[in-house]
Protein backbone atom coordinates (compact mmCIF):
# COMPACT_ATOMS: atom_id res chain seq x y z
CA UNK A 1 -0.73 -179.99 -57.74
CA UNK A 2 1.62 -177.99 -55.74
CA UNK A 3 1.16 -174.57 -54.18
CA UNK A 4 3.76 -171.89 -53.45
CA UNK A 5 2.58 -170.31 -50.32
CA UNK A 6 4.08 -166.98 -49.41
CA UNK A 7 3.34 -164.85 -46.48
CA UNK A 8 3.99 -161.18 -45.98
CA UNK A 9 7.06 -161.93 -44.17
CA UNK A 10 8.20 -164.15 -47.03
CA UNK A 11 8.01 -161.16 -49.51
CA UNK A 12 10.92 -161.18 -51.85
CA UNK A 13 12.30 -157.64 -51.42
CA UNK A 14 15.31 -158.37 -53.40
CA UNK A 15 13.44 -159.10 -56.56
CA UNK A 16 11.08 -156.04 -56.35
CA UNK A 17 11.82 -153.31 -58.88
CA UNK A 18 12.31 -149.88 -57.43
CA UNK A 19 10.81 -146.98 -59.45
CA UNK A 20 12.08 -143.42 -59.02
CA UNK A 21 9.55 -140.77 -58.35
CA UNK A 22 8.89 -138.54 -61.45
CA UNK A 23 11.10 -135.45 -61.46
CA UNK A 24 9.21 -132.07 -61.68
CA UNK A 25 10.52 -129.67 -64.48
CA UNK A 26 12.09 -126.43 -63.10
CA UNK A 27 12.62 -123.25 -65.31
CA UNK A 28 16.20 -122.11 -65.52
CA UNK A 29 17.10 -118.64 -64.07
CA UNK A 30 17.07 -115.87 -66.79
CA UNK A 31 20.44 -114.34 -67.81
CA UNK A 32 19.72 -110.84 -66.47
CA UNK A 33 23.26 -109.79 -66.62
CA UNK A 34 23.52 -110.68 -70.26
CA UNK A 35 20.30 -108.90 -71.18
CA UNK A 36 21.32 -105.80 -69.23
CA UNK A 37 24.68 -105.77 -70.90
CA UNK A 38 23.12 -106.06 -74.35
CA UNK A 39 20.64 -103.29 -73.53
CA UNK A 40 23.40 -100.99 -72.37
CA UNK A 41 25.40 -101.70 -75.49
CA UNK A 42 22.38 -100.99 -77.68
CA UNK A 43 21.64 -97.75 -75.82
CA UNK A 44 25.22 -96.62 -76.13
CA UNK A 45 25.18 -97.46 -79.81
CA UNK A 46 21.86 -95.66 -80.31
CA UNK A 47 23.09 -92.65 -78.37
CA UNK A 48 26.26 -92.55 -80.40
CA UNK A 49 24.33 -92.84 -83.64
CA UNK A 50 21.84 -90.19 -82.50
CA UNK A 51 24.67 -87.90 -81.51
CA UNK A 52 26.35 -88.37 -84.84
CA UNK A 53 23.09 -87.76 -86.68
CA UNK A 54 22.48 -84.62 -84.63
CA UNK A 55 25.97 -83.41 -85.35
CA UNK A 56 25.47 -83.99 -89.03
CA UNK A 57 22.06 -82.31 -88.98
CA UNK A 58 23.44 -79.40 -86.98
CA UNK A 59 26.36 -79.13 -89.35
CA UNK A 60 24.08 -79.27 -92.38
CA UNK A 61 21.72 -76.73 -90.78
CA UNK A 62 24.58 -74.40 -89.90
CA UNK A 63 25.97 -74.67 -93.42
CA UNK A 64 22.54 -74.03 -94.91
CA UNK A 65 21.97 -70.99 -92.69
CA UNK A 66 25.38 -69.59 -93.53
CA UNK A 67 24.73 -70.02 -97.24
CA UNK A 68 21.28 -68.42 -96.95
CA UNK A 69 22.72 -65.36 -95.20
CA UNK A 70 25.41 -65.20 -97.87
CA UNK A 71 22.78 -65.17 -100.61
CA UNK A 72 20.68 -62.61 -98.75
CA UNK A 73 23.63 -60.28 -98.21
CA UNK A 74 24.60 -60.50 -101.87
CA UNK A 75 21.07 -59.41 -102.75
CA UNK A 76 21.38 -56.50 -100.30
CA UNK A 77 24.56 -55.40 -102.05
CA UNK A 78 22.79 -55.63 -105.41
CA UNK A 79 19.87 -53.60 -104.04
CA UNK A 80 22.17 -50.91 -102.66
CA UNK A 81 23.83 -50.48 -106.06
CA UNK A 82 20.70 -51.05 -108.20
CA UNK A 83 22.71 -53.85 -109.80
CA UNK A 84 20.35 -56.33 -111.44
CA UNK A 85 23.24 -58.28 -112.99
CA UNK A 86 24.70 -59.02 -109.58
CA UNK A 87 21.30 -59.90 -108.17
CA UNK A 88 20.56 -62.27 -111.03
CA UNK A 89 23.26 -64.62 -109.70
CA UNK A 90 21.09 -65.52 -106.70
CA UNK A 91 17.61 -65.36 -108.27
CA UNK A 92 15.67 -68.55 -108.93
CA UNK A 93 15.01 -69.35 -112.58
CA UNK A 94 11.99 -71.53 -111.86
CA UNK A 95 9.60 -68.71 -112.85
CA UNK A 96 11.19 -66.47 -115.49
CA UNK A 97 8.45 -63.84 -115.20
CA UNK A 98 9.02 -63.60 -111.45
CA UNK A 99 12.79 -63.35 -111.97
CA UNK A 100 12.35 -60.55 -114.52
CA UNK A 101 10.23 -58.56 -112.06
CA UNK A 102 12.85 -58.97 -109.31
CA UNK A 103 15.54 -57.69 -111.68
CA UNK A 104 13.39 -54.67 -112.52
CA UNK A 105 12.84 -53.96 -108.83
CA UNK A 106 16.60 -54.00 -108.28
CA UNK A 107 17.19 -51.67 -111.23
CA UNK A 108 14.46 -49.20 -110.21
CA UNK A 109 15.54 -49.06 -106.56
CA UNK A 110 12.28 -50.67 -105.42
CA UNK A 111 13.70 -53.91 -104.06
CA UNK A 112 14.03 -52.54 -100.50
CA UNK A 113 12.19 -49.20 -100.77
CA UNK A 114 8.57 -48.66 -101.81
CA UNK A 115 8.18 -45.07 -103.00
CA UNK A 116 4.76 -45.78 -104.50
CA UNK A 117 3.44 -46.34 -100.98
CA UNK A 118 5.57 -43.59 -99.43
CA UNK A 119 7.62 -46.13 -97.46
CA UNK A 120 11.10 -44.67 -97.77
CA UNK A 121 14.39 -45.88 -96.34
CA UNK A 122 16.04 -43.60 -93.77
CA UNK A 123 19.02 -41.62 -95.03
CA UNK A 124 21.45 -43.40 -92.68
CA UNK A 125 19.93 -46.81 -93.26
CA UNK A 126 21.22 -50.19 -92.15
CA UNK A 127 18.97 -51.95 -94.66
CA UNK A 128 21.89 -52.86 -96.91
CA UNK A 129 24.24 -53.96 -94.13
CA UNK A 130 25.09 -57.70 -93.92
CA UNK A 131 22.55 -59.71 -91.91
CA UNK A 132 23.37 -62.51 -89.46
CA UNK A 133 21.76 -64.33 -86.55
CA UNK A 134 23.49 -61.96 -84.14
CA UNK A 135 22.06 -58.88 -85.87
CA UNK A 136 19.25 -57.11 -84.00
CA UNK A 137 17.32 -56.99 -87.28
CA UNK A 138 17.17 -60.80 -87.41
CA UNK A 139 13.82 -62.31 -86.38
CA UNK A 140 13.64 -65.94 -87.50
CA UNK A 141 14.99 -68.44 -90.03
CA UNK A 142 12.81 -71.52 -90.60
CA UNK A 143 14.26 -74.42 -92.61
CA UNK A 144 12.18 -77.14 -94.28
CA UNK A 145 12.70 -80.67 -92.84
CA UNK A 146 14.57 -81.71 -96.00
CA UNK A 147 16.84 -78.64 -95.72
CA UNK A 148 15.98 -77.56 -99.26
CA UNK A 149 13.73 -74.59 -98.49
CA UNK A 150 13.68 -71.77 -95.94
CA UNK A 151 11.80 -68.64 -94.84
CA UNK A 152 13.85 -65.73 -93.52
CA UNK A 153 12.12 -63.10 -91.38
CA UNK A 154 13.94 -59.89 -90.49
CA UNK A 155 13.20 -56.24 -89.67
CA UNK A 156 13.63 -53.20 -91.91
CA UNK A 157 13.14 -49.54 -90.99
CA UNK A 158 11.18 -47.06 -93.11
CA UNK A 159 10.33 -43.39 -92.83
CA UNK A 160 6.55 -43.24 -93.10
CA UNK A 161 3.50 -41.27 -92.02
CA UNK A 162 1.85 -42.27 -88.73
CA UNK A 163 -0.77 -40.60 -86.56
CA UNK A 164 2.08 -38.64 -84.94
CA UNK A 165 3.51 -37.43 -88.23
CA UNK A 166 6.54 -38.59 -90.19
CA UNK A 167 8.41 -41.22 -88.16
CA UNK A 168 10.77 -44.17 -88.48
CA UNK A 169 8.74 -47.38 -88.36
CA UNK A 170 9.79 -51.03 -88.48
CA UNK A 171 8.19 -53.68 -90.71
CA UNK A 172 8.90 -57.41 -90.77
CA UNK A 173 10.23 -58.62 -94.11
CA UNK A 174 9.78 -62.19 -95.39
CA UNK A 175 12.06 -63.81 -97.97
CA UNK A 176 11.75 -67.35 -99.37
CA UNK A 177 14.91 -69.25 -100.37
CA UNK A 178 15.35 -72.64 -102.01
CA UNK A 179 18.46 -74.72 -102.58
CA UNK A 180 19.58 -74.72 -106.20
CA UNK A 181 22.22 -76.90 -107.82
CA UNK A 182 25.13 -75.01 -106.33
CA UNK A 183 23.74 -72.41 -103.91
CA UNK A 184 20.67 -71.03 -102.18
CA UNK A 185 18.47 -68.79 -104.34
CA UNK A 186 15.74 -66.24 -103.67
CA UNK A 187 12.64 -68.01 -104.97
CA UNK A 188 8.94 -67.38 -105.61
CA UNK A 189 6.81 -68.84 -102.81
CA UNK A 190 4.76 -71.95 -103.47
CA UNK A 191 0.98 -71.59 -103.78
CA UNK A 192 0.55 -73.13 -100.33
CA UNK A 193 2.58 -70.23 -98.92
CA UNK A 194 -0.25 -67.79 -99.73
CA UNK A 195 -3.29 -70.00 -99.16
CA UNK A 196 -6.72 -69.49 -100.69
CA UNK A 197 -8.05 -66.12 -101.87
CA UNK A 198 -10.51 -64.39 -99.52
CA UNK A 199 -13.10 -61.66 -100.23
CA UNK A 200 -14.53 -59.10 -97.81
CA UNK A 201 -17.41 -56.80 -98.79
CA UNK A 202 -18.04 -53.64 -96.74
CA UNK A 203 -20.22 -50.56 -97.36
CA UNK A 204 -18.60 -49.24 -100.52
CA UNK A 205 -15.29 -51.06 -100.32
CA UNK A 206 -14.45 -54.63 -101.33
CA UNK A 207 -11.08 -56.18 -100.56
CA UNK A 208 -9.61 -59.38 -102.01
CA UNK A 209 -6.56 -60.85 -100.30
CA UNK A 210 -4.55 -64.06 -99.73
CA UNK A 211 -5.31 -66.18 -96.70
CA UNK A 212 -1.78 -65.70 -95.35
CA UNK A 213 -2.49 -62.01 -94.63
CA UNK A 214 -6.12 -62.50 -93.57
CA UNK A 215 -5.78 -61.55 -89.90
CA UNK A 216 -4.08 -58.25 -90.71
CA UNK A 217 -6.26 -57.37 -93.69
CA UNK A 218 -9.53 -57.95 -91.85
CA UNK A 219 -8.56 -55.14 -89.49
CA UNK A 220 -6.99 -53.04 -92.22
CA UNK A 221 -10.04 -53.29 -94.49
CA UNK A 222 -12.30 -51.97 -91.73
CA UNK A 223 -9.98 -49.00 -91.16
CA UNK A 224 -9.79 -48.28 -94.89
CA UNK A 225 -13.59 -48.17 -94.99
CA UNK A 226 -13.47 -45.62 -92.15
CA UNK A 227 -10.95 -43.49 -94.07
CA UNK A 228 -13.14 -43.66 -97.15
CA UNK A 229 -16.23 -42.57 -95.22
CA UNK A 230 -14.28 -39.68 -93.66
CA UNK A 231 -13.04 -38.48 -97.07
CA UNK A 232 -16.55 -38.59 -98.51
CA UNK A 233 -17.91 -36.51 -95.62
CA UNK A 234 -15.19 -33.84 -95.89
CA UNK A 235 -15.22 -33.68 -99.69
CA UNK A 236 -18.80 -33.76 -100.97
CA UNK A 237 -17.45 -33.36 -104.52
CA UNK A 238 -16.22 -36.96 -104.44
CA UNK A 239 -18.19 -39.68 -106.16
CA UNK A 240 -19.11 -41.80 -103.16
CA UNK A 241 -22.19 -43.46 -104.60
CA UNK A 242 -22.88 -46.96 -103.20
CA UNK A 243 -23.08 -48.12 -106.80
CA UNK A 244 -19.43 -47.19 -107.34
CA UNK A 245 -17.74 -49.58 -104.95
CA UNK A 246 -13.97 -49.38 -104.68
CA UNK A 247 -12.26 -52.74 -105.04
CA UNK A 248 -8.75 -53.34 -103.73
CA UNK A 249 -6.95 -56.55 -104.62
CA UNK A 250 -3.94 -57.18 -102.40
CA UNK A 251 -1.77 -58.92 -104.94
CA UNK A 252 0.83 -61.60 -104.26
CA UNK A 253 2.67 -60.83 -107.51
CA UNK A 254 5.71 -58.59 -106.89
CA UNK A 255 4.94 -56.81 -110.17
CA UNK A 256 2.29 -54.92 -108.19
CA UNK A 257 5.16 -53.12 -106.42
CA UNK A 258 6.38 -51.82 -109.78
CA UNK A 259 2.88 -50.81 -110.86
CA UNK A 260 2.18 -48.98 -107.61
CA UNK A 261 5.29 -46.83 -108.09
CA UNK A 262 3.81 -45.31 -111.28
CA UNK A 263 0.88 -42.95 -110.48
CA UNK A 264 -0.37 -43.38 -114.05
CA UNK A 265 -1.62 -46.84 -113.07
CA UNK A 266 -3.75 -45.24 -110.37
CA UNK A 267 -5.62 -42.84 -112.65
CA UNK A 268 -7.01 -45.19 -115.26
CA UNK A 269 -10.64 -44.17 -114.84
CA UNK A 270 -11.83 -47.08 -112.70
CA UNK A 271 -11.89 -47.93 -109.02
CA UNK A 272 -10.28 -51.37 -109.18
CA UNK A 273 -6.91 -51.09 -107.48
CA UNK A 274 -4.16 -53.68 -107.56
CA UNK A 275 -1.82 -53.13 -104.60
CA UNK A 276 0.93 -55.35 -103.13
CA UNK A 277 -0.22 -57.47 -100.20
CA UNK A 278 1.44 -56.58 -96.87
CA UNK A 279 3.75 -59.63 -96.83
CA UNK A 280 5.40 -58.28 -100.01
CA UNK A 281 6.29 -54.93 -98.45
CA UNK A 282 6.40 -55.68 -94.72
CA UNK A 283 4.21 -56.72 -91.81
CA UNK A 284 3.72 -54.34 -88.86
CA UNK A 285 5.24 -55.34 -85.55
CA UNK A 286 3.73 -52.44 -83.57
CA UNK A 287 1.05 -49.74 -83.83
CA UNK A 288 3.32 -47.30 -85.67
CA UNK A 289 3.97 -49.83 -88.41
CA UNK A 290 0.26 -50.56 -88.70
CA UNK A 291 -0.58 -46.85 -89.01
CA UNK A 292 2.06 -46.49 -91.72
CA UNK A 293 0.49 -49.31 -93.76
CA UNK A 294 -3.03 -47.97 -93.22
CA UNK A 295 -2.04 -44.49 -94.42
CA UNK A 296 -0.07 -45.87 -97.37
CA UNK A 297 -2.98 -47.94 -98.68
CA UNK A 298 -5.50 -45.25 -97.74
CA UNK A 299 -3.66 -42.57 -99.72
CA UNK A 300 -3.77 -44.73 -102.85
CA UNK A 301 -7.46 -45.44 -102.37
CA UNK A 302 -8.50 -41.79 -101.89
CA UNK A 303 -6.23 -40.53 -104.70
CA UNK A 304 -7.86 -42.96 -107.12
CA UNK A 305 -11.30 -41.78 -105.98
CA UNK A 306 -10.31 -38.12 -106.52
CA UNK A 307 -9.06 -38.86 -110.03
CA UNK A 308 -12.22 -40.74 -110.92
CA UNK A 309 -14.49 -38.06 -109.40
CA UNK A 310 -12.98 -35.18 -111.42
CA UNK A 311 -12.86 -37.26 -114.59
CA UNK A 312 -9.10 -36.99 -114.86
CA UNK A 313 -7.78 -37.92 -118.29
CA UNK A 314 -4.37 -39.34 -117.46
CA UNK A 315 -1.89 -37.94 -117.80
CA UNK A 316 -2.52 -34.27 -118.67
CA UNK A 317 -0.74 -31.73 -116.43
CA UNK A 318 0.60 -34.73 -114.46
CA UNK A 319 3.01 -32.96 -112.04
CA UNK A 320 0.54 -30.17 -111.27
CA UNK A 321 -2.30 -32.65 -110.81
CA UNK A 322 -0.23 -34.82 -108.46
CA UNK A 323 0.90 -31.83 -106.37
CA UNK A 324 -2.70 -30.71 -105.80
CA UNK A 325 -3.77 -34.28 -104.94
CA UNK A 326 -0.89 -34.51 -102.46
CA UNK A 327 -2.10 -31.31 -100.79
CA UNK A 328 -5.59 -32.76 -100.41
CA UNK A 329 -4.24 -36.04 -99.03
CA UNK A 330 -2.18 -34.06 -96.52
CA UNK A 331 -5.33 -32.25 -95.41
CA UNK A 332 -6.91 -35.67 -94.77
CA UNK A 333 -3.86 -36.86 -92.81
CA UNK A 334 -2.81 -39.34 -95.50
CA UNK A 335 0.33 -37.63 -96.80
CA UNK A 336 3.00 -35.15 -95.78
CA UNK A 337 3.10 -31.70 -97.35
CA UNK A 338 6.63 -30.69 -98.46
CA UNK A 339 6.27 -26.96 -97.77
CA UNK A 340 8.57 -25.96 -94.90
CA UNK A 341 10.24 -22.86 -93.51
CA UNK A 342 13.26 -23.71 -95.66
CA UNK A 343 11.25 -23.89 -98.90
CA UNK A 344 9.46 -20.62 -98.08
CA UNK A 345 12.83 -19.01 -97.39
CA UNK A 346 14.09 -20.26 -100.76
CA UNK A 347 11.09 -18.67 -102.47
CA UNK A 348 11.66 -15.41 -100.60
CA UNK A 349 15.30 -15.37 -101.65
CA UNK A 350 14.88 -16.43 -105.28
CA UNK A 351 11.46 -14.93 -105.94
CA UNK A 352 8.23 -16.51 -107.15
CA UNK A 353 7.78 -17.20 -110.84
CA UNK A 354 4.46 -18.20 -112.37
CA UNK A 355 6.28 -18.70 -115.67
CA UNK A 356 8.08 -21.67 -114.11
CA UNK A 357 4.73 -23.37 -113.56
CA UNK A 358 4.01 -23.76 -117.26
CA UNK A 359 6.34 -26.78 -117.74
CA UNK A 360 4.38 -28.60 -115.03
CA UNK A 361 1.12 -27.68 -116.73
CA UNK A 362 2.44 -28.93 -120.05
CA UNK A 363 3.98 -32.22 -118.83
CA UNK A 364 2.44 -35.70 -118.76
CA UNK A 365 5.34 -37.16 -116.74
CA UNK A 366 4.61 -37.64 -113.05
CA UNK A 367 8.32 -37.96 -112.20
CA UNK A 368 8.78 -34.33 -113.29
CA UNK A 369 7.33 -33.37 -109.91
CA UNK A 370 10.74 -34.04 -108.33
CA UNK A 371 12.82 -31.74 -110.54
CA UNK A 372 14.94 -28.84 -109.24
CA UNK A 373 12.17 -26.23 -109.63
CA UNK A 374 9.54 -28.23 -107.76
CA UNK A 375 9.84 -25.75 -104.86
CA UNK A 376 8.01 -23.31 -107.13
CA UNK A 377 5.30 -25.88 -107.88
CA UNK A 378 4.58 -26.85 -104.28
CA UNK A 379 4.93 -23.24 -103.14
CA UNK A 380 2.31 -22.15 -105.67
CA UNK A 381 -0.14 -24.90 -104.69
CA UNK A 382 0.36 -23.96 -101.03
CA UNK A 383 -0.40 -20.30 -101.80
CA UNK A 384 -3.31 -21.22 -104.06
CA UNK A 385 -5.20 -23.31 -101.51
CA UNK A 386 -4.27 -21.50 -98.29
CA UNK A 387 -4.36 -17.86 -99.38
CA UNK A 388 -5.60 -17.20 -102.90
CA UNK A 389 -8.62 -19.55 -102.93
CA UNK A 390 -9.02 -20.74 -99.33
CA UNK A 391 -12.75 -21.27 -99.78
CA UNK A 392 -12.19 -23.92 -102.45
CA UNK A 393 -11.08 -27.51 -102.02
CA UNK A 394 -8.36 -29.20 -104.00
CA UNK A 395 -11.02 -31.30 -105.73
CA UNK A 396 -12.74 -28.16 -107.05
CA UNK A 397 -9.48 -26.76 -108.38
CA UNK A 398 -8.66 -30.11 -110.01
CA UNK A 399 -12.01 -29.97 -111.79
CA UNK A 400 -11.09 -26.52 -113.15
CA UNK A 401 -7.67 -27.83 -114.12
CA UNK A 402 -9.20 -30.70 -116.06
CA UNK A 403 -11.63 -28.45 -117.95
CA UNK A 404 -9.16 -25.65 -118.81
CA UNK A 405 -8.02 -25.51 -122.42
CA UNK A 406 -4.90 -23.42 -121.83
CA UNK A 407 -2.52 -22.38 -119.10
CA UNK A 408 -3.55 -18.73 -119.42
CA UNK A 409 -7.22 -19.69 -119.30
CA UNK A 410 -6.64 -21.69 -116.14
CA UNK A 411 -4.84 -18.78 -114.43
CA UNK A 412 -7.67 -16.46 -115.48
CA UNK A 413 -10.25 -18.82 -113.99
CA UNK A 414 -8.28 -19.00 -110.74
CA UNK A 415 -7.97 -15.21 -110.51
CA UNK A 416 -11.61 -14.74 -111.54
CA UNK A 417 -10.32 -12.10 -113.92
CA UNK A 418 -11.14 -11.17 -117.49
CA UNK A 419 -7.57 -10.04 -118.12
CA UNK A 420 -6.63 -11.48 -121.48
CA UNK A 421 -3.00 -10.52 -121.19
CA UNK A 422 -0.85 -13.40 -119.94
CA UNK A 423 1.71 -10.99 -118.51
CA UNK A 424 -0.98 -9.13 -116.61
CA UNK A 425 -2.38 -12.35 -115.13
CA UNK A 426 1.05 -13.56 -114.12
CA UNK A 427 1.80 -10.19 -112.52
CA UNK A 428 -1.48 -10.19 -110.59
CA UNK A 429 -0.97 -13.70 -109.18
CA UNK A 430 2.77 -13.31 -108.58
CA UNK A 431 2.24 -10.16 -106.51
CA UNK A 432 -0.25 -11.90 -104.23
CA UNK A 433 1.97 -14.97 -104.05
CA UNK A 434 5.01 -12.91 -103.12
CA UNK A 435 3.18 -11.15 -100.28
CA UNK A 436 2.00 -14.52 -99.00
CA UNK A 437 5.54 -15.90 -98.88
CA UNK A 438 6.85 -12.89 -96.96
CA UNK A 439 3.92 -13.01 -94.54
CA UNK A 440 4.50 -16.72 -93.87
CA UNK A 441 8.16 -16.11 -93.08
CA UNK A 442 7.32 -13.24 -90.73
CA UNK A 443 4.68 -15.28 -88.89
CA UNK A 444 7.11 -18.16 -88.54
CA UNK A 445 9.78 -15.88 -87.13
CA UNK A 446 7.35 -14.51 -84.54
CA UNK A 447 5.95 -17.90 -83.55
CA UNK A 448 9.40 -19.48 -83.29
CA UNK A 449 11.65 -16.97 -81.48
CA UNK A 450 15.38 -17.73 -81.74
CA UNK A 451 15.87 -17.21 -77.98
CA UNK A 452 13.57 -17.77 -74.97
CA UNK A 453 11.46 -14.89 -73.74
CA UNK A 454 13.11 -12.99 -70.86
CA UNK A 455 11.85 -13.44 -67.32
CA UNK A 456 11.00 -9.72 -67.20
CA UNK A 457 8.26 -7.29 -68.11
CA UNK A 458 8.28 -5.58 -71.48
CA UNK A 459 7.99 -1.81 -71.93
CA UNK A 460 6.39 -0.55 -75.14
CA UNK A 461 5.78 2.87 -76.66
CA UNK A 462 2.93 3.32 -79.15
CA UNK A 463 1.65 6.22 -81.28
CA UNK A 464 -2.01 6.42 -82.22
CA UNK A 465 -1.47 7.21 -85.90
CA UNK A 466 1.13 4.50 -86.36
CA UNK A 467 3.69 6.94 -87.81
CA UNK A 468 6.98 8.28 -86.52
CA UNK A 469 7.11 11.93 -87.60
CA UNK A 470 8.92 15.02 -86.35
CA UNK A 471 6.47 17.37 -88.05
CA UNK A 472 4.42 18.99 -85.26
CA UNK A 473 1.23 19.11 -87.29
CA UNK A 474 1.35 15.33 -87.71
CA UNK A 475 2.01 14.44 -84.10
CA UNK A 476 -0.71 12.74 -82.09
CA UNK A 477 -1.18 10.82 -78.88
CA UNK A 478 1.37 8.34 -77.53
CA UNK A 479 1.07 5.68 -74.85
CA UNK A 480 3.50 3.79 -72.69
CA UNK A 481 2.51 0.19 -71.88
CA UNK A 482 3.94 -2.54 -69.69
CA UNK A 483 3.41 -6.17 -70.68
CA UNK A 484 3.73 -8.76 -67.90
CA UNK A 485 4.79 -12.12 -69.28
CA UNK A 486 3.91 -14.09 -66.17
CA UNK A 487 0.18 -13.34 -66.44
CA UNK A 488 -0.06 -12.22 -70.08
CA UNK A 489 -1.51 -8.80 -69.19
CA UNK A 490 -1.14 -5.23 -70.51
CA UNK A 491 -1.01 -2.12 -68.29
CA UNK A 492 -1.16 1.44 -69.61
CA UNK A 493 1.35 3.54 -67.65
CA UNK A 494 1.23 6.83 -69.54
CA UNK A 495 -1.04 8.56 -72.06
CA UNK A 496 0.67 11.56 -73.65
CA UNK A 497 -0.51 14.19 -76.15
CA UNK A 498 2.48 14.18 -78.40
CA UNK A 499 5.22 11.97 -79.70
CA UNK A 500 7.27 9.78 -77.39
CA UNK A 501 10.05 7.22 -77.53
CA UNK A 502 12.51 5.77 -75.04
CA UNK A 503 15.89 4.07 -74.68
CA UNK A 504 16.75 1.50 -72.00
CA UNK A 505 19.22 2.19 -69.24
CA UNK A 506 22.02 -0.22 -68.29
CA UNK A 507 21.23 -3.06 -65.87
CA UNK A 508 17.48 -2.75 -66.53
CA UNK A 509 17.18 0.25 -64.22
CA UNK A 510 14.45 1.86 -66.28
CA UNK A 511 14.22 3.85 -69.49
CA UNK A 512 14.96 7.38 -70.63
CA UNK A 513 11.69 8.65 -72.04
CA UNK A 514 11.82 11.37 -74.67
CA UNK A 515 8.62 13.38 -75.14
CA UNK A 516 7.62 16.04 -77.66
CA UNK A 517 4.43 17.91 -76.81
CA UNK A 518 2.04 18.72 -79.63
CA UNK A 519 1.42 22.34 -78.63
CA UNK A 520 4.61 23.33 -76.88
CA UNK A 521 6.75 21.73 -79.59
CA UNK A 522 9.39 21.22 -76.95
CA UNK A 523 11.44 18.10 -76.15
CA UNK A 524 11.42 16.76 -72.61
CA UNK A 525 13.68 14.11 -71.10
CA UNK A 526 12.17 11.91 -68.37
CA UNK A 527 13.60 9.11 -66.25
CA UNK A 528 10.89 6.40 -66.22
CA UNK A 529 11.08 3.70 -63.55
CA UNK A 530 8.34 1.33 -62.34
CA UNK A 531 5.56 3.38 -63.89
CA UNK A 532 6.76 6.70 -62.46
CA UNK A 533 8.47 9.49 -64.41
CA UNK A 534 10.88 12.11 -63.11
CA UNK A 535 11.85 15.04 -65.32
CA UNK A 536 15.59 15.37 -65.69
CA UNK A 537 15.52 18.92 -67.03
CA UNK A 538 12.84 21.33 -65.87
CA UNK A 539 13.84 24.59 -67.51
CA UNK A 540 11.52 26.87 -69.37
CA UNK A 541 12.17 27.65 -73.01
CA UNK A 542 14.73 24.84 -73.24
CA UNK A 543 14.58 21.41 -74.85
CA UNK A 544 16.50 18.36 -73.75
CA UNK A 545 17.09 15.11 -75.57
CA UNK A 546 18.88 11.92 -74.59
CA UNK A 547 19.40 8.67 -76.45
CA UNK A 548 20.00 6.72 -73.26
CA UNK A 549 23.79 6.80 -73.47
CA UNK A 550 25.16 6.09 -69.99
CA UNK A 551 28.36 4.81 -68.43
CA UNK A 552 28.47 1.04 -67.59
CA UNK A 553 27.91 1.74 -63.89
CA UNK A 554 24.77 3.74 -64.60
CA UNK A 555 26.00 6.81 -62.73
CA UNK A 556 26.14 9.30 -65.58
CA UNK A 557 23.73 9.97 -68.46
CA UNK A 558 24.53 11.90 -71.61
CA UNK A 559 21.84 14.29 -72.79
CA UNK A 560 21.66 17.39 -74.95
CA UNK A 561 20.22 20.70 -73.85
CA UNK A 562 18.96 23.04 -76.57
CA UNK A 563 17.76 26.58 -75.86
CA UNK A 564 14.53 27.41 -77.65
CA UNK A 565 16.31 29.92 -79.82
CA UNK A 566 18.56 27.17 -81.19
CA UNK A 567 15.90 24.55 -81.81
CA UNK A 568 15.73 25.39 -85.46
CA UNK A 569 19.49 25.45 -85.91
């Protein structure tokens, strides 16, 4: 047995295997520069793409807007010329009934003007001028996201009745356009445009309206109820029973604009009115516009109530009936009355003719009210209700009109006369009418002087019997008055037993007063200044007379001296 002894010192270092320590894994540094570069490139690419998309969208939007204005302006041209054939080029054919109504509106001149609601275009109107974004009438153009639909809002002026009388008001118009195969077309709004139908019940008025106009019509309905209550209080002849509620449906169908223009649709014996909703005719942008809409709808409502209350059988005596209704509406502040100084002057110049009223009595055509002789019709109604029968209301006279069997019988009832002769009745009424016209013109001339009042006092001479006579037995007392404009007062300066008159002197230096005593029968010439008279001639048995003829400087006065022996020569 052998042993291999080894000590520590004898350790075999050369044969020992060396083992490397394990290497710890270290993450590599990220390539920030590369990532940043890629990010920048992506951002630049995205920005470029976004810019290009925006340019294309802007270009498409600009093109769409330009085409929409082009379509709109073509419609304006068609409306100006009442040219339905031209307008048909840019009308949507999606709803043929709607398209037919639009064509009729163009033909009848109701596309931009709403005569049925007394919303008339001004004479020098810009309504038909081309519209653009730069135009002050432009309000807003809203395009659908897909650029296939749009709403155009713009302003249009009307002449309408407000609380301050007839004025120019502005209403916001809304037009809906959709892209057709080749161009933009005026189109009927989708159902979502109008929203759900709403109903509001008040005292004796019920309104039905689309949700789109709800905010406006809530306020408008309350004001219409107030107008209705006011009319019922002022006209007890109206049928204002709570059981006879008036119903107004604010329609979204443009055919309601056509129907409203024909008064025959208003007098059909019931109180269910179908009127165009405000969006169809214009939304108010200020208080004047709101008042115009309120009066327009209110006039229709009250007129229908008048017709129903008198039992009007449409359409007998249509022009005459409508003229009397218009007078009553004007009295309630819901219409303008066409009688003016000019129309009264025309009657005074051409005369009044009750025979010219018979065609209006005999007609069932409401449009006849606008013919060339309508000045006679409105003039007669004005005379009838203001002078001939001032104690009666228009509603009472309409009741008589409805019950009369003949024109002569109606005139006889008005005159409260048993005259059976038509010529005699016409003569009786015409005479009173003629005096009324002349009186109106005279009162107008006095109340509207052509020049301002002078900043001076006025001197007046008056005779007690109201006559100017040179017959001594008919002479009576005379007075000289001074009227002071500054304090509106009268002062008597002279009371004289006889006849007196005067002529002014140049430069307002007084007057030459000519007096003729009752008993002496002798003319006297007096210089009258500041309330004091000085006799120019003081000779017995002589008369003097002067007509105020003086030289421009006021130094010399011409008068005539007549000895008593020559007074009769």
